[in-house]
Amino acid sequence: MPKMKSKSGAKKRFQFTGTGKIKRKHAYHGHILTKKSQKRKRNLDHTAIVEKANEKVVKQMLQA
């Protein structure tokens, strides 16, 4: 049986913290930034933790 491969897109988008939670980046910070306020852009800069509801799906994508 061949090895299971993790989703390469998920590998680039998610990271595990030291306590085992999953970090993610905010959306809407890629382009068309001129109309967004400084405060909004600054808050989108920080990472967030993946919600409990989505954690199982993300872990499945990351398992190798």
PDB file of N, CA and C in Angstrom:
ATOM      1  N   MET A   1       0.849  -1.189   0.000  1.00  0.00           N
ATOM      2  CA  MET A   1       0.000   0.000   0.000  1.00  0.00           C
ATOM      3  C   MET A   1       0.894   1.252   0.000  1.00  0.00           C
ATOM      4  N   PRO A   2       0.613   2.237  -0.852  1.00  0.00           N
ATOM      5  CA  PRO A   2       1.452   3.437  -0.880  1.00  0.00           C
ATOM      6  C   PRO A   2       1.240   4.329   0.343  1.00  0.00           C
ATOM      7  N   LYS A   3       2.196   5.196   0.570  1.00  0.00           N
ATOM      8  CA  LYS A   3       2.100   6.126   1.698  1.00  0.00           C
ATOM      9  C   LYS A   3       0.955   7.100   1.489  1.00  0.00           C
ATOM     10  N   MET A   4       0.357   7.552   2.603  1.00  0.00           N
ATOM     11  CA  MET A   4      -0.671   8.591   2.540  1.00  0.00           C
ATOM     12  C   MET A   4       0.037   9.931   2.375  1.00  0.00           C
ATOM     13  N   LYS A   5      -0.491  10.762   1.506  1.00  0.00           N
ATOM     14  CA  LYS A   5       0.106  12.074   1.306  1.00  0.00           C
ATOM     15  C   LYS A   5      -0.775  13.136   1.954  1.00  0.00           C
ATOM     16  N   SER A   6      -0.132  14.099   2.609  1.00  0.00           N
ATOM     17  CA  SER A   6      -0.903  15.214   3.160  1.00  0.00           C
ATOM     18  C   SER A   6      -1.151  16.219   2.039  1.00  0.00           C
ATOM     19  N   LYS A   7      -2.204  17.027   2.192  1.00  0.00           N
ATOM     20  CA  LYS A   7      -2.559  18.014   1.173  1.00  0.00           C
ATOM     21  C   LYS A   7      -1.498  19.110   1.140  1.00  0.00           C
ATOM     22  N   SER A   8      -0.874  19.317  -0.017  1.00  0.00           N
ATOM     23  CA  SER A   8       0.235  20.274  -0.081  1.00  0.00           C
ATOM     24  C   SER A   8      -0.249  21.704   0.124  1.00  0.00           C
ATOM     25  N   GLY A   9      -1.493  22.000  -0.240  1.00  0.00           N
ATOM     26  CA  GLY A   9      -2.052  23.337  -0.001  1.00  0.00           C
ATOM     27  C   GLY A   9      -2.226  23.605   1.481  1.00  0.00           C
ATOM     28  N   ALA A  10      -2.631  22.587   2.218  1.00  0.00           N
ATOM     29  CA  ALA A  10      -2.828  22.719   3.665  1.00  0.00           C
ATOM     30  C   ALA A  10      -1.492  22.882   4.385  1.00  0.00           C
ATOM     31  N   LYS A  11      -0.464  22.196   3.894  1.00  0.00           N
ATOM     32  CA  LYS A  11       0.866  22.311   4.509  1.00  0.00           C
ATOM     33  C   LYS A  11       1.351  23.756   4.478  1.00  0.00           C
ATOM     34  N   LYS A  12       1.000  24.475   3.390  1.00  0.00           N
ATOM     35  CA  LYS A  12       1.454  25.858   3.229  1.00  0.00           C
ATOM     36  C   LYS A  12       0.620  26.836   4.049  1.00  0.00           C
ATOM     37  N   ARG A  13      -0.608  26.453   4.402  1.00  0.00           N
ATOM     38  CA  ARG A  13      -1.536  27.402   5.023  1.00  0.00           C
ATOM     39  C   ARG A  13      -1.663  27.284   6.541  1.00  0.00           C
ATOM     40  N   PHE A  14      -1.334  26.122   7.096  1.00  0.00           N
ATOM     41  CA  PHE A  14      -1.552  25.896   8.522  1.00  0.00           C
ATOM     42  C   PHE A  14      -0.267  25.504   9.222  1.00  0.00           C
ATOM     43  N   GLN A  15      -0.197  25.853  10.525  1.00  0.00           N
ATOM     44  CA  GLN A  15       0.942  25.486  11.369  1.00  0.00           C
ATOM     45  C   GLN A  15       0.425  25.053  12.726  1.00  0.00           C
ATOM     46  N   PHE A  16       1.125  24.128  13.362  1.00  0.00           N
ATOM     47  CA  PHE A  16       0.761  23.719  14.715  1.00  0.00           C
ATOM     48  C   PHE A  16       1.484  24.601  15.725  1.00  0.00           C
ATOM     49  N   THR A  17       0.792  24.929  16.818  1.00  0.00           N
ATOM     50  CA  THR A  17       1.419  25.646  17.918  1.00  0.00           C
ATOM     51  C   THR A  17       2.074  24.623  18.836  1.00  0.00           C
ATOM     52  N   GLY A  18       2.767  25.096  19.847  1.00  0.00           N
ATOM     53  CA  GLY A  18       3.421  24.201  20.790  1.00  0.00           C
ATOM     54  C   GLY A  18       2.437  23.356  21.578  1.00  0.00           C
ATOM     55  N   THR A  19       1.232  23.884  21.789  1.00  0.00           N
ATOM     56  CA  THR A  19       0.225  23.158  22.572  1.00  0.00           C
ATOM     57  C   THR A  19      -0.669  22.289  21.701  1.00  0.00           C
ATOM     58  N   GLY A  20      -0.415  22.244  20.392  1.00  0.00           N
ATOM     59  CA  GLY A  20      -1.166  21.365  19.511  1.00  0.00           C
ATOM     60  C   GLY A  20      -2.338  22.001  18.792  1.00  0.00           C
ATOM     61  N   LYS A  21      -2.557  23.296  19.018  1.00  0.00           N
ATOM     62  CA  LYS A  21      -3.615  23.991  18.281  1.00  0.00           C
ATOM     63  C   LYS A  21      -3.108  24.291  16.873  1.00  0.00           C
ATOM     64  N   ILE A  22      -4.024  24.690  15.995  1.00  0.00           N
ATOM     65  CA  ILE A  22      -3.634  24.958  14.605  1.00  0.00           C
ATOM     66  C   ILE A  22      -3.799  26.440  14.314  1.00  0.00           C
ATOM     67  N   LYS A  23      -2.723  27.048  13.814  1.00  0.00           N
ATOM     68  CA  LYS A  23      -2.737  28.469  13.465  1.00  0.00           C
ATOM     69  C   LYS A  23      -3.121  28.633  12.006  1.00  0.00           C
ATOM     70  N   ARG A  24      -3.801  29.741  11.715  1.00  0.00           N
ATOM     71  CA  ARG A  24      -4.158  30.064  10.338  1.00  0.00           C
ATOM     72  C   ARG A  24      -3.990  31.556  10.128  1.00  0.00           C
ATOM     73  N   LYS A  25      -3.953  31.974   8.870  1.00  0.00           N
ATOM     74  CA  LYS A  25      -3.880  33.401   8.552  1.00  0.00           C
ATOM     75  C   LYS A  25      -5.278  33.901   8.226  1.00  0.00           C
ATOM     76  N   HIS A  26      -5.466  35.207   8.325  1.00  0.00           N
ATOM     77  CA  HIS A  26      -6.749  35.813   7.981  1.00  0.00           C
ATOM     78  C   HIS A  26      -6.872  35.977   6.469  1.00  0.00           C
ATOM     79  N   ALA A  27      -8.100  35.918   5.989  1.00  0.00           N
ATOM     80  CA  ALA A  27      -8.382  36.181   4.581  1.00  0.00           C
ATOM     81  C   ALA A  27      -8.485  37.694   4.369  1.00  0.00           C
ATOM     82  N   TYR A  28      -8.621  38.122   3.139  1.00  0.00           N
ATOM     83  CA  TYR A  28      -8.837  39.526   2.751  1.00  0.00           C
ATOM     84  C   TYR A  28      -7.620  40.414   3.016  1.00  0.00           C
ATOM     85  N   HIS A  29      -6.431  39.829   2.996  1.00  0.00           N
ATOM     86  CA  HIS A  29      -5.235  40.656   3.194  1.00  0.00           C
ATOM     87  C   HIS A  29      -4.259  40.461   2.036  1.00  0.00           C
ATOM     88  N   GLY A  30      -4.776  40.030   0.878  1.00  0.00           N
ATOM     89  CA  GLY A  30      -3.908  39.728  -0.252  1.00  0.00           C
ATOM     90  C   GLY A  30      -3.807  40.842  -1.268  1.00  0.00           C
ATOM     91  N   HIS A  31      -4.923  41.487  -1.565  1.00  0.00           N
ATOM     92  CA  HIS A  31      -4.925  42.551  -2.576  1.00  0.00           C
ATOM     93  C   HIS A  31      -6.117  43.472  -2.339  1.00  0.00           C
ATOM     94  N   ILE A  32      -6.218  44.522  -3.146  1.00  0.00           N
ATOM     95  CA  ILE A  32      -7.233  45.583  -2.990  1.00  0.00           C
ATOM     96  C   ILE A  32      -7.177  46.136  -1.561  1.00  0.00           C
ATOM     97  N   LEU A  33      -5.993  46.567  -1.169  1.00  0.00           N
ATOM     98  CA  LEU A  33      -5.793  47.023   0.205  1.00  0.00           C
ATOM     99  C   LEU A  33      -5.985  48.529   0.363  1.00  0.00           C
ATOM    100  N   THR A  34      -6.088  49.254  -0.743  1.00  0.00           N
ATOM    101  CA  THR A  34      -6.167  50.725  -0.650  1.00  0.00           C
ATOM    102  C   THR A  34      -7.456  51.184   0.002  1.00  0.00           C
ATOM    103  N   LYS A  35      -8.542  50.456  -0.216  1.00  0.00           N
ATOM    104  CA  LYS A  35      -9.830  50.887   0.347  1.00  0.00           C
ATOM    105  C   LYS A  35     -10.041  50.397   1.778  1.00  0.00           C
ATOM    106  N   LYS A  36      -9.148  49.564   2.273  1.00  0.00           N
ATOM    107  CA  LYS A  36      -9.275  49.043   3.637  1.00  0.00           C
ATOM    108  C   LYS A  36      -8.525  49.951   4.603  1.00  0.00           C
ATOM    109  N   SER A  37      -9.099  50.141   5.785  1.00  0.00           N
ATOM    110  CA  SER A  37      -8.488  51.038   6.772  1.00  0.00           C
ATOM    111  C   SER A  37      -7.222  50.400   7.350  1.00  0.00           C
ATOM    112  N   GLN A  38      -6.360  51.251   7.899  1.00  0.00           N
ATOM    113  CA  GLN A  38      -5.116  50.782   8.514  1.00  0.00           C
ATOM    114  C   GLN A  38      -5.413  49.799   9.644  1.00  0.00           C
ATOM    115  N   LYS A  39      -6.449  50.126  10.445  1.00  0.00           N
ATOM    116  CA  LYS A  39      -6.806  49.269  11.578  1.00  0.00           C
ATOM    117  C   LYS A  39      -7.233  47.887  11.100  1.00  0.00           C
ATOM    118  N   ARG A  40      -8.029  47.864  10.041  1.00  0.00           N
ATOM    119  CA  ARG A  40      -8.511  46.589   9.499  1.00  0.00           C
ATOM    120  C   ARG A  40      -7.351  45.755   8.970  1.00  0.00           C
ATOM    121  N   LYS A  41      -6.441  46.398   8.228  1.00  0.00           N
ATOM    122  CA  LYS A  41      -5.285  45.686   7.676  1.00  0.00           C
ATOM    123  C   LYS A  41      -4.359  45.191   8.781  1.00  0.00           C
ATOM    124  N   ARG A  42      -4.185  45.995   9.802  1.00  0.00           N
ATOM    125  CA  ARG A  42      -3.331  45.623  10.931  1.00  0.00           C
ATOM    126  C   ARG A  42      -3.901  44.406  11.656  1.00  0.00           C
ATOM    127  N   ASN A  43      -5.208  44.384  11.847  1.00  0.00           N
ATOM    128  CA  ASN A  43      -5.841  43.261  12.536  1.00  0.00           C
ATOM    129  C   ASN A  43      -5.824  41.991  11.690  1.00  0.00           C
ATOM    130  N   LEU A  44      -5.827  42.126  10.370  1.00  0.00           N
ATOM    131  CA  LEU A  44      -5.752  40.962   9.489  1.00  0.00           C
ATOM    132  C   LEU A  44      -4.350  40.365   9.455  1.00  0.00           C
ATOM    133  N   ASP A  45      -3.362  41.141   9.890  1.00  0.00           N
ATOM    134  CA  ASP A  45      -1.968  40.707   9.884  1.00  0.00           C
ATOM    135  C   ASP A  45      -1.709  39.563  10.862  1.00  0.00           C
ATOM    136  N   HIS A  46      -2.428  39.564  11.986  1.00  0.00           N
ATOM    137  CA  HIS A  46      -2.169  38.582  13.037  1.00  0.00           C
ATOM    138  C   HIS A  46      -2.715  37.211  12.646  1.00  0.00           C
ATOM    139  N   THR A  47      -2.129  36.174  13.224  1.00  0.00           N
ATOM    140  CA  THR A  47      -2.637  34.832  12.980  1.00  0.00           C
ATOM    141  C   THR A  47      -3.816  34.565  13.904  1.00  0.00           C
ATOM    142  N   ALA A  48      -4.615  33.574  13.549  1.00  0.00           N
ATOM    143  CA  ALA A  48      -5.764  33.170  14.361  1.00  0.00           C
ATOM    144  C   ALA A  48      -5.671  31.664  14.590  1.00  0.00           C
ATOM    145  N   ILE A  49      -6.478  31.179  15.509  1.00  0.00           N
ATOM    146  CA  ILE A  49      -6.533  29.745  15.798  1.00  0.00           C
ATOM    147  C   ILE A  49      -7.732  29.164  15.055  1.00  0.00           C
ATOM    148  N   VAL A  50      -7.543  27.995  14.463  1.00  0.00           N
ATOM    149  CA  VAL A  50      -8.626  27.313  13.743  1.00  0.00           C
ATOM    150  C   VAL A  50      -9.721  26.935  14.749  1.00  0.00           C
ATOM    151  N   GLU A  51     -10.971  27.162  14.375  1.00  0.00           N
ATOM    152  CA  GLU A  51     -12.109  26.868  15.245  1.00  0.00           C
ATOM    153  C   GLU A  51     -12.244  25.364  15.476  1.00  0.00           C
ATOM    154  N   LYS A  52     -12.852  25.006  16.611  1.00  0.00           N
ATOM    155  CA  LYS A  52     -13.048  23.602  16.975  1.00  0.00           C
ATOM    156  C   LYS A  52     -13.805  22.843  15.885  1.00  0.00           C
ATOM    157  N   ALA A  53     -14.793  23.506  15.269  1.00  0.00           N
ATOM    158  CA  ALA A  53     -15.630  22.860  14.258  1.00  0.00           C
ATOM    159  C   ALA A  53     -14.815  22.441  13.038  1.00  0.00           C
ATOM    160  N   ASN A  54     -13.756  23.173  12.718  1.00  0.00           N
ATOM    161  CA  ASN A  54     -12.954  22.892  11.527  1.00  0.00           C
ATOM    162  C   ASN A  54     -11.670  22.130  11.831  1.00  0.00           C
ATOM    163  N   GLU A  55     -11.365  21.955  13.097  1.00  0.00           N
ATOM    164  CA  GLU A  55     -10.092  21.363  13.500  1.00  0.00           C
ATOM    165  C   GLU A  55      -9.904  19.948  12.949  1.00  0.00           C
ATOM    166  N   LYS A  56     -10.947  19.133  13.001  1.00  0.00           N
ATOM    167  CA  LYS A  56     -10.857  17.749  12.553  1.00  0.00           C
ATOM    168  C   LYS A  56     -10.520  17.671  11.070  1.00  0.00           C
ATOM    169  N   VAL A  57     -11.161  18.513  10.268  1.00  0.00           N
ATOM    170  CA  VAL A  57     -10.949  18.511   8.828  1.00  0.00           C
ATOM    171  C   VAL A  57      -9.524  18.935   8.489  1.00  0.00           C
ATOM    172  N   VAL A  58      -9.035  19.957   9.180  1.00  0.00           N
ATOM    173  CA  VAL A  58      -7.685  20.458   8.927  1.00  0.00           C
ATOM    174  C   VAL A  58      -6.653  19.412   9.331  1.00  0.00           C
ATOM    175  N   LYS A  59      -6.862  18.755  10.462  1.00  0.00           N
ATOM    176  CA  LYS A  59      -5.930  17.714  10.905  1.00  0.00           C
ATOM    177  C   LYS A  59      -5.884  16.558   9.910  1.00  0.00           C
ATOM    178  N   GLN A  60      -7.035  16.203   9.331  1.00  0.00           N
ATOM    179  CA  GLN A  60      -7.071  15.153   8.315  1.00  0.00           C
ATOM    180  C   GLN A  60      -6.243  15.550   7.090  1.00  0.00           C
ATOM    181  N   MET A  61      -6.335  16.826   6.693  1.00  0.00           N
ATOM    182  CA  MET A  61      -5.577  17.282   5.537  1.00  0.00           C
ATOM    183  C   MET A  61      -4.077  17.279   5.806  1.00  0.00           C
ATOM    184  N   LEU A  62      -3.700  17.482   7.062  1.00  0.00           N
ATOM    185  CA  LEU A  62      -2.276  17.587   7.408  1.00  0.00           C
ATOM    186  C   LEU A  62      -1.629  16.253   7.732  1.00  0.00           C
ATOM    187  N   GLN A  63      -2.414  15.224   8.006  1.00  0.00           N
ATOM    188  CA  GLN A  63      -1.791  13.948   8.373  1.00  0.00           C
ATOM    189  C   GLN A  63      -1.093  13.328   7.188  1.00  0.00           C
ATOM    190  N   ALA A  64       0.095  12.826   7.439  1.00  0.00           N
ATOM    191  CA  ALA A  64       0.889  12.253   6.338  1.00  0.00           C
ATOM    192  C   ALA A  64       0.938  10.748   6.461  1.00  0.00           C
TER     193      ALA A  64
END
